[in-house]
Every structure is written in C-alpha cells, then in structure tokens.
Amino acid sequence: LEIARALATEPKLLLLDEPTAGMNPQETDGLRQFI
C-alpha cells in the first residue's frame, strides 16, 4: 500500500527504503518480482 501511494504521485523515479524489511521469505520473493 505504501508503494501504491507513492505510485499515485506518477513518479519518474521511485525511491524504496528497505522495501522487504520485516517480510518473510515468501513475501520478500513476491515483492522482488513486483518491483
């Protein structure tokens, strides 16, 4: 959701500060593919 809010601003450059912090391996793998 935080990434969605950032995308809503229509960026050219997206800065992600530790996007997988606190995630389990399955969530981490899913977010990596999403990026």
ModelCIF file with pLDDT and N, C-alpha, C, O atoms, coordinates in Angstrom:
data_MODEL
#
_entry.id   MODEL 
#
_entity.id                         1 
_entity.type                       polymer 
_entity.pdbx_number_of_molecules   1 
#
_entity_poly.entity_id                      1 
_entity_poly.type                           'polypeptide(L)' 
_entity_poly.nstd_linkage                   no 
_entity_poly.nstd_monomer                   no 
_entity_poly.pdbx_seq_one_letter_code       LEIARALATEPKLLLLDEPTAGMNPQETDGLRQFI 
_entity_poly.pdbx_seq_one_letter_code_can   LEIARALATEPKLLLLDEPTAGMNPQETDGLRQFI 
_entity_poly.pdbx_strand_id                 A 
#
loop_
_entity_poly_seq.entity_id 
_entity_poly_seq.num 
_entity_poly_seq.mon_id 
_entity_poly_seq.hetero 
1 1  LEU n 
1 2  GLU n 
1 3  ILE n 
1 4  ALA n 
1 5  ARG n 
1 6  ALA n 
1 7  LEU n 
1 8  ALA n 
1 9  THR n 
1 10 GLU n 
1 11 PRO n 
1 12 LYS n 
1 13 LEU n 
1 14 LEU n 
1 15 LEU n 
1 16 LEU n 
1 17 ASP n 
1 18 GLU n 
1 19 PRO n 
1 20 THR n 
1 21 ALA n 
1 22 GLY n 
1 23 MET n 
1 24 ASN n 
1 25 PRO n 
1 26 GLN n 
1 27 GLU n 
1 28 THR n 
1 29 ASP n 
1 30 GLY n 
1 31 LEU n 
1 32 ARG n 
1 33 GLN n 
1 34 PHE n 
1 35 ILE n 
#
_struct_asym.id          A 
_struct_asym.entity_id   1 
#
loop_
_ma_qa_metric.id 
_ma_qa_metric.mode 
_ma_qa_metric.name 
_ma_qa_metric.software_group_id 
_ma_qa_metric.type 
1 global pLDDT . pLDDT 
2 local  pLDDT . pLDDT 
#
_ma_qa_metric_global.metric_id      1 
_ma_qa_metric_global.metric_value   93.57 
_ma_qa_metric_global.model_id       1 
_ma_qa_metric_global.ordinal_id     1 
#
loop_
_ma_qa_metric_local.label_asym_id 
_ma_qa_metric_local.label_comp_id 
_ma_qa_metric_local.label_seq_id 
_ma_qa_metric_local.metric_id 
_ma_qa_metric_local.metric_value 
_ma_qa_metric_local.model_id 
_ma_qa_metric_local.ordinal_id 
A LEU 1  2 96.00 1 1  
A GLU 2  2 96.00 1 2  
A ILE 3  2 96.00 1 3  
A ALA 4  2 97.00 1 4  
A ARG 5  2 97.00 1 5  
A ALA 6  2 96.00 1 6  
A LEU 7  2 97.00 1 7  
A ALA 8  2 95.00 1 8  
A THR 9  2 95.00 1 9  
A GLU 10 2 95.00 1 10 
A PRO 11 2 96.00 1 11 
A LYS 12 2 97.00 1 12 
A LEU 13 2 98.00 1 13 
A LEU 14 2 98.00 1 14 
A LEU 15 2 98.00 1 15 
A LEU 16 2 97.00 1 16 
A ASP 17 2 95.00 1 17 
A GLU 18 2 93.00 1 18 
A PRO 19 2 93.00 1 19 
A THR 20 2 91.00 1 20 
A ALA 21 2 89.00 1 21 
A GLY 22 2 87.00 1 22 
A MET 23 2 89.00 1 23 
A ASN 24 2 89.00 1 24 
A PRO 25 2 90.00 1 25 
A GLN 26 2 90.00 1 26 
A GLU 27 2 90.00 1 27 
A THR 28 2 91.00 1 28 
A ASP 29 2 91.00 1 29 
A GLY 30 2 91.00 1 30 
A LEU 31 2 91.00 1 31 
A ARG 32 2 91.00 1 32 
A GLN 33 2 93.00 1 33 
A PHE 34 2 93.00 1 34 
A ILE 35 2 94.00 1 35 
#
loop_
_atom_site.group_PDB 
_atom_site.id 
_atom_site.type_symbol 
_atom_site.label_atom_id 
_atom_site.label_alt_id 
_atom_site.label_comp_id 
_atom_site.label_asym_id 
_atom_site.label_entity_id 
_atom_site.label_seq_id 
_atom_site.pdbx_PDB_ins_code 
_atom_site.Cartn_x 
_atom_site.Cartn_y 
_atom_site.Cartn_z 
_atom_site.occupancy 
_atom_site.B_iso_or_equiv 
_atom_site.pdbx_formal_charge 
_atom_site.auth_seq_id 
_atom_site.auth_comp_id 
_atom_site.auth_asym_id 
_atom_site.auth_atom_id 
_atom_site.pdbx_PDB_model_num 
ATOM 1   N N  . LEU A 1 1  ? 0.829  -1.197  0.000   1.00 96.00 ? 1  LEU A N  1 
ATOM 2   C CA . LEU A 1 1  ? 0.000  0.000   0.000   1.00 96.00 ? 1  LEU A CA 1 
ATOM 3   C C  . LEU A 1 1  ? 0.869  1.254   0.000   1.00 96.00 ? 1  LEU A C  1 
ATOM 4   O O  . LEU A 1 1  ? 0.541  2.237   -0.664  1.00 96.00 ? 1  LEU A O  1 
ATOM 5   N N  . GLU A 1 2  ? 1.973  1.222   0.741   1.00 96.00 ? 2  GLU A N  1 
ATOM 6   C CA . GLU A 1 2  ? 2.843  2.390   0.748   1.00 96.00 ? 2  GLU A CA 1 
ATOM 7   C C  . GLU A 1 2  ? 3.445  2.615   -0.648  1.00 96.00 ? 2  GLU A C  1 
ATOM 8   O O  . GLU A 1 2  ? 3.591  3.755   -1.088  1.00 96.00 ? 2  GLU A O  1 
ATOM 9   N N  . ILE A 1 3  ? 3.786  1.538   -1.329  1.00 96.00 ? 3  ILE A N  1 
ATOM 10  C CA . ILE A 1 3  ? 4.272  1.666   -2.705  1.00 96.00 ? 3  ILE A CA 1 
ATOM 11  C C  . ILE A 1 3  ? 3.163  2.193   -3.611  1.00 96.00 ? 3  ILE A C  1 
ATOM 12  O O  . ILE A 1 3  ? 3.410  3.019   -4.489  1.00 96.00 ? 3  ILE A O  1 
ATOM 13  N N  . ALA A 1 4  ? 1.933  1.709   -3.390  1.00 97.00 ? 4  ALA A N  1 
ATOM 14  C CA . ALA A 1 4  ? 0.798  2.189   -4.188  1.00 97.00 ? 4  ALA A CA 1 
ATOM 15  C C  . ALA A 1 4  ? 0.603  3.691   -4.026  1.00 97.00 ? 4  ALA A C  1 
ATOM 16  O O  . ALA A 1 4  ? 0.362  4.400   -5.002  1.00 97.00 ? 4  ALA A O  1 
ATOM 17  N N  . ARG A 1 5  ? 0.707  4.168   -2.799  1.00 97.00 ? 5  ARG A N  1 
ATOM 18  C CA . ARG A 1 5  ? 0.571  5.612   -2.560  1.00 97.00 ? 5  ARG A CA 1 
ATOM 19  C C  . ARG A 1 5  ? 1.663  6.389   -3.283  1.00 97.00 ? 5  ARG A C  1 
ATOM 20  O O  . ARG A 1 5  ? 1.406  7.453   -3.845  1.00 97.00 ? 5  ARG A O  1 
ATOM 21  N N  . ALA A 1 6  ? 2.890  5.852   -3.267  1.00 96.00 ? 6  ALA A N  1 
ATOM 22  C CA . ALA A 1 6  ? 3.986  6.506   -3.992  1.00 96.00 ? 6  ALA A CA 1 
ATOM 23  C C  . ALA A 1 6  ? 3.728  6.505   -5.494  1.00 96.00 ? 6  ALA A C  1 
ATOM 24  O O  . ALA A 1 6  ? 3.998  7.498   -6.170  1.00 96.00 ? 6  ALA A O  1 
ATOM 25  N N  . LEU A 1 7  ? 3.208  5.400   -6.021  1.00 97.00 ? 7  LEU A N  1 
ATOM 26  C CA . LEU A 1 7  ? 2.914  5.315   -7.456  1.00 97.00 ? 7  LEU A CA 1 
ATOM 27  C C  . LEU A 1 7  ? 1.813  6.291   -7.869  1.00 97.00 ? 7  LEU A C  1 
ATOM 28  O O  . LEU A 1 7  ? 1.773  6.747   -9.012  1.00 97.00 ? 7  LEU A O  1 
ATOM 29  N N  . ALA A 1 8  ? 0.923  6.607   -6.931  1.00 95.00 ? 8  ALA A N  1 
ATOM 30  C CA . ALA A 1 8  ? -0.188 7.509   -7.233  1.00 95.00 ? 8  ALA A CA 1 
ATOM 31  C C  . ALA A 1 8  ? 0.284  8.921   -7.567  1.00 95.00 ? 8  ALA A C  1 
ATOM 32  O O  . ALA A 1 8  ? -0.454 9.687   -8.185  1.00 95.00 ? 8  ALA A O  1 
ATOM 33  N N  . THR A 1 9  ? 1.498  9.272   -7.167  1.00 95.00 ? 9  THR A N  1 
ATOM 34  C CA . THR A 1 9  ? 2.019  10.600  -7.481  1.00 95.00 ? 9  THR A CA 1 
ATOM 35  C C  . THR A 1 9  ? 2.529  10.696  -8.917  1.00 95.00 ? 9  THR A C  1 
ATOM 36  O O  . THR A 1 9  ? 2.939  11.770  -9.358  1.00 95.00 ? 9  THR A O  1 
ATOM 37  N N  . GLU A 1 10 ? 2.506  9.575   -9.654  1.00 95.00 ? 10 GLU A N  1 
ATOM 38  C CA . GLU A 1 10 ? 3.005  9.499   -11.025 1.00 95.00 ? 10 GLU A CA 1 
ATOM 39  C C  . GLU A 1 10 ? 4.492  9.833   -11.097 1.00 95.00 ? 10 GLU A C  1 
ATOM 40  O O  . GLU A 1 10 ? 4.883  10.763  -11.803 1.00 95.00 ? 10 GLU A O  1 
ATOM 41  N N  . PRO A 1 11 ? 5.324  9.084   -10.375 1.00 96.00 ? 11 PRO A N  1 
ATOM 42  C CA . PRO A 1 11 ? 6.760  9.393   -10.364 1.00 96.00 ? 11 PRO A CA 1 
ATOM 43  C C  . PRO A 1 11 ? 7.474  8.911   -11.622 1.00 96.00 ? 11 PRO A C  1 
ATOM 44  O O  . PRO A 1 11 ? 7.012  8.013   -12.326 1.00 96.00 ? 11 PRO A O  1 
ATOM 45  N N  . LYS A 1 12 ? 8.604  9.535   -11.873 1.00 97.00 ? 12 LYS A N  1 
ATOM 46  C CA . LYS A 1 12 ? 9.563  9.016   -12.845 1.00 97.00 ? 12 LYS A CA 1 
ATOM 47  C C  . LYS A 1 12 ? 10.608 8.173   -12.119 1.00 97.00 ? 12 LYS A C  1 
ATOM 48  O O  . LYS A 1 12 ? 11.114 7.186   -12.654 1.00 97.00 ? 12 LYS A O  1 
ATOM 49  N N  . LEU A 1 13 ? 10.921 8.586   -10.882 1.00 98.00 ? 13 LEU A N  1 
ATOM 50  C CA . LEU A 1 13 ? 11.907 7.911   -10.053 1.00 98.00 ? 13 LEU A CA 1 
ATOM 51  C C  . LEU A 1 13 ? 11.246 7.492   -8.746  1.00 98.00 ? 13 LEU A C  1 
ATOM 52  O O  . LEU A 1 13 ? 10.670 8.318   -8.038  1.00 98.00 ? 13 LEU A O  1 
ATOM 53  N N  . LEU A 1 14 ? 11.334 6.205   -8.435  1.00 98.00 ? 14 LEU A N  1 
ATOM 54  C CA . LEU A 1 14 ? 10.745 5.667   -7.209  1.00 98.00 ? 14 LEU A CA 1 
ATOM 55  C C  . LEU A 1 14 ? 11.872 5.269   -6.262  1.00 98.00 ? 14 LEU A C  1 
ATOM 56  O O  . LEU A 1 14 ? 12.731 4.460   -6.612  1.00 98.00 ? 14 LEU A O  1 
ATOM 57  N N  . LEU A 1 15 ? 11.862 5.844   -5.060  1.00 98.00 ? 15 LEU A N  1 
ATOM 58  C CA . LEU A 1 15 ? 12.851 5.538   -4.037  1.00 98.00 ? 15 LEU A CA 1 
ATOM 59  C C  . LEU A 1 15 ? 12.221 4.599   -3.010  1.00 98.00 ? 15 LEU A C  1 
ATOM 60  O O  . LEU A 1 15 ? 11.218 4.942   -2.384  1.00 98.00 ? 15 LEU A O  1 
ATOM 61  N N  . LEU A 1 16 ? 12.803 3.426   -2.839  1.00 97.00 ? 16 LEU A N  1 
ATOM 62  C CA . LEU A 1 16 ? 12.276 2.426   -1.910  1.00 97.00 ? 16 LEU A CA 1 
ATOM 63  C C  . LEU A 1 16 ? 13.283 2.234   -0.782  1.00 97.00 ? 16 LEU A C  1 
ATOM 64  O O  . LEU A 1 16 ? 14.414 1.807   -1.012  1.00 97.00 ? 16 LEU A O  1 
ATOM 65  N N  . ASP A 1 17 ? 12.860 2.554   0.437   1.00 95.00 ? 17 ASP A N  1 
ATOM 66  C CA . ASP A 1 17 ? 13.736 2.448   1.601   1.00 95.00 ? 17 ASP A CA 1 
ATOM 67  C C  . ASP A 1 17 ? 13.448 1.140   2.331   1.00 95.00 ? 17 ASP A C  1 
ATOM 68  O O  . ASP A 1 17 ? 12.472 1.035   3.074   1.00 95.00 ? 17 ASP A O  1 
ATOM 69  N N  . GLU A 1 18 ? 14.302 0.149   2.110   1.00 93.00 ? 18 GLU A N  1 
ATOM 70  C CA . GLU A 1 18 ? 14.187 -1.184  2.699   1.00 93.00 ? 18 GLU A CA 1 
ATOM 71  C C  . GLU A 1 18 ? 12.781 -1.780  2.515   1.00 93.00 ? 18 GLU A C  1 
ATOM 72  O O  . GLU A 1 18 ? 12.091 -2.063  3.494   1.00 93.00 ? 18 GLU A O  1 
ATOM 73  N N  . PRO A 1 19 ? 12.370 -1.967  1.264   1.00 93.00 ? 19 PRO A N  1 
ATOM 74  C CA . PRO A 1 19 ? 11.006 -2.437  0.995   1.00 93.00 ? 19 PRO A CA 1 
ATOM 75  C C  . PRO A 1 19 ? 10.697 -3.830  1.532   1.00 93.00 ? 19 PRO A C  1 
ATOM 76  O O  . PRO A 1 19 ? 9.530  -4.142  1.769   1.00 93.00 ? 19 PRO A O  1 
ATOM 77  N N  . THR A 1 20 ? 11.711 -4.680  1.731   1.00 91.00 ? 20 THR A N  1 
ATOM 78  C CA . THR A 1 20 ? 11.436 -6.040  2.216   1.00 91.00 ? 20 THR A CA 1 
ATOM 79  C C  . THR A 1 20 ? 11.687 -6.195  3.718   1.00 91.00 ? 20 THR A C  1 
ATOM 80  O O  . THR A 1 20 ? 11.622 -7.308  4.240   1.00 91.00 ? 20 THR A O  1 
ATOM 81  N N  . ALA A 1 21 ? 11.970 -5.104  4.411   1.00 89.00 ? 21 ALA A N  1 
ATOM 82  C CA . ALA A 1 21 ? 12.255 -5.185  5.850   1.00 89.00 ? 21 ALA A CA 1 
ATOM 83  C C  . ALA A 1 21 ? 11.070 -5.798  6.595   1.00 89.00 ? 21 ALA A C  1 
ATOM 84  O O  . ALA A 1 21 ? 9.929  -5.370  6.419   1.00 89.00 ? 21 ALA A O  1 
ATOM 85  N N  . GLY A 1 22 ? 11.345 -6.793  7.417   1.00 87.00 ? 22 GLY A N  1 
ATOM 86  C CA . GLY A 1 22 ? 10.308 -7.420  8.230   1.00 87.00 ? 22 GLY A CA 1 
ATOM 87  C C  . GLY A 1 22 ? 9.470  -8.455  7.513   1.00 87.00 ? 22 GLY A C  1 
ATOM 88  O O  . GLY A 1 22 ? 8.547  -9.020  8.101   1.00 87.00 ? 22 GLY A O  1 
ATOM 89  N N  . MET A 1 23 ? 9.779  -8.715  6.243   1.00 89.00 ? 23 MET A N  1 
ATOM 90  C CA . MET A 1 23 ? 8.991  -9.678  5.482   1.00 89.00 ? 23 MET A CA 1 
ATOM 91  C C  . MET A 1 23 ? 9.558  -11.088 5.630   1.00 89.00 ? 23 MET A C  1 
ATOM 92  O O  . MET A 1 23 ? 10.757 -11.273 5.843   1.00 89.00 ? 23 MET A O  1 
ATOM 93  N N  . ASN A 1 24 ? 8.676  -12.074 5.515   1.00 89.00 ? 24 ASN A N  1 
ATOM 94  C CA . ASN A 1 24 ? 9.133  -13.457 5.485   1.00 89.00 ? 24 ASN A CA 1 
ATOM 95  C C  . ASN A 1 24 ? 9.630  -13.773 4.075   1.00 89.00 ? 24 ASN A C  1 
ATOM 96  O O  . ASN A 1 24 ? 9.403  -12.987 3.155   1.00 89.00 ? 24 ASN A O  1 
ATOM 97  N N  . PRO A 1 25 ? 10.311 -14.921 3.888   1.00 90.00 ? 25 PRO A N  1 
ATOM 98  C CA . PRO A 1 25 ? 10.885 -15.227 2.565   1.00 90.00 ? 25 PRO A CA 1 
ATOM 99  C C  . PRO A 1 25 ? 9.873  -15.219 1.429   1.00 90.00 ? 25 PRO A C  1 
ATOM 100 O O  . PRO A 1 25 ? 10.194 -14.776 0.327   1.00 90.00 ? 25 PRO A O  1 
ATOM 101 N N  . GLN A 1 26 ? 8.662  -15.699 1.675   1.00 90.00 ? 26 GLN A N  1 
ATOM 102 C CA . GLN A 1 26 ? 7.657  -15.727 0.615   1.00 90.00 ? 26 GLN A CA 1 
ATOM 103 C C  . GLN A 1 26 ? 7.241  -14.311 0.236   1.00 90.00 ? 26 GLN A C  1 
ATOM 104 O O  . GLN A 1 26 ? 7.109  -13.998 -0.947  1.00 90.00 ? 26 GLN A O  1 
ATOM 105 N N  . GLU A 1 27 ? 7.032  -13.447 1.240   1.00 90.00 ? 27 GLU A N  1 
ATOM 106 C CA . GLU A 1 27 ? 6.661  -12.058 0.964   1.00 90.00 ? 27 GLU A CA 1 
ATOM 107 C C  . GLU A 1 27 ? 7.799  -11.334 0.241   1.00 90.00 ? 27 GLU A C  1 
ATOM 108 O O  . GLU A 1 27 ? 7.563  -10.548 -0.677  1.00 90.00 ? 27 GLU A O  1 
ATOM 109 N N  . THR A 1 28 ? 9.034  -11.610 0.666   1.00 91.00 ? 28 THR A N  1 
ATOM 110 C CA . THR A 1 28 ? 10.192 -10.986 0.039   1.00 91.00 ? 28 THR A CA 1 
ATOM 111 C C  . THR A 1 28 ? 10.287 -11.361 -1.436  1.00 91.00 ? 28 THR A C  1 
ATOM 112 O O  . THR A 1 28 ? 10.524 -10.503 -2.286  1.00 91.00 ? 28 THR A O  1 
ATOM 113 N N  . ASP A 1 29 ? 10.102 -12.642 -1.738  1.00 91.00 ? 29 ASP A N  1 
ATOM 114 C CA . ASP A 1 29 ? 10.166 -13.102 -3.118  1.00 91.00 ? 29 ASP A CA 1 
ATOM 115 C C  . ASP A 1 29 ? 9.073  -12.447 -3.954  1.00 91.00 ? 29 ASP A C  1 
ATOM 116 O O  . ASP A 1 29 ? 9.312  -12.044 -5.093  1.00 91.00 ? 29 ASP A O  1 
ATOM 117 N N  . GLY A 1 30 ? 7.858  -12.341 -3.379  1.00 91.00 ? 30 GLY A N  1 
ATOM 118 C CA . GLY A 1 30 ? 6.760  -11.716 -4.100  1.00 91.00 ? 30 GLY A CA 1 
ATOM 119 C C  . GLY A 1 30 ? 7.021  -10.248 -4.374  1.00 91.00 ? 30 GLY A C  1 
ATOM 120 O O  . GLY A 1 30 ? 6.705  -9.755  -5.457  1.00 91.00 ? 30 GLY A O  1 
ATOM 121 N N  . LEU A 1 31 ? 7.597  -9.538  -3.405  1.00 91.00 ? 31 LEU A N  1 
ATOM 122 C CA . LEU A 1 31 ? 7.864  -8.113  -3.599  1.00 91.00 ? 31 LEU A CA 1 
ATOM 123 C C  . LEU A 1 31 ? 8.991  -7.895  -4.599  1.00 91.00 ? 31 LEU A C  1 
ATOM 124 O O  . LEU A 1 31 ? 8.960  -6.936  -5.370  1.00 91.00 ? 31 LEU A O  1 
ATOM 125 N N  . ARG A 1 32 ? 9.979  -8.772  -4.592  1.00 91.00 ? 32 ARG A N  1 
ATOM 126 C CA . ARG A 1 32 ? 11.065 -8.662  -5.566  1.00 91.00 ? 32 ARG A CA 1 
ATOM 127 C C  . ARG A 1 32 ? 10.507 -8.773  -6.985  1.00 91.00 ? 32 ARG A C  1 
ATOM 128 O O  . ARG A 1 32 ? 10.874 -7.991  -7.861  1.00 91.00 ? 32 ARG A O  1 
ATOM 129 N N  . GLN A 1 33 ? 9.635  -9.726  -7.206  1.00 93.00 ? 33 GLN A N  1 
ATOM 130 C CA . GLN A 1 33 ? 9.019  -9.877  -8.523  1.00 93.00 ? 33 GLN A CA 1 
ATOM 131 C C  . GLN A 1 33 ? 8.155  -8.666  -8.870  1.00 93.00 ? 33 GLN A C  1 
ATOM 132 O O  . GLN A 1 33 ? 8.094  -8.236  -10.022 1.00 93.00 ? 33 GLN A O  1 
ATOM 133 N N  . PHE A 1 34 ? 7.483  -8.122  -7.840  1.00 93.00 ? 34 PHE A N  1 
ATOM 134 C CA . PHE A 1 34 ? 6.631  -6.964  -8.058  1.00 93.00 ? 34 PHE A CA 1 
ATOM 135 C C  . PHE A 1 34 ? 7.453  -5.745  -8.478  1.00 93.00 ? 34 PHE A C  1 
ATOM 136 O O  . PHE A 1 34 ? 7.024  -4.983  -9.345  1.00 93.00 ? 34 PHE A O  1 
ATOM 137 N N  . ILE A 1 35 ? 8.623  -5.553  -7.876  1.00 94.00 ? 35 ILE A N  1 
ATOM 138 C CA . ILE A 1 35 ? 9.475  -4.420  -8.242  1.00 94.00 ? 35 ILE A CA 1 
ATOM 139 C C  . ILE A 1 35 ? 9.910  -4.529  -9.699  1.00 94.00 ? 35 ILE A C  1 
ATOM 140 O O  . ILE A 1 35 ? 10.635 -3.665  -10.193 1.00 94.00 ? 35 ILE A O  1 
#
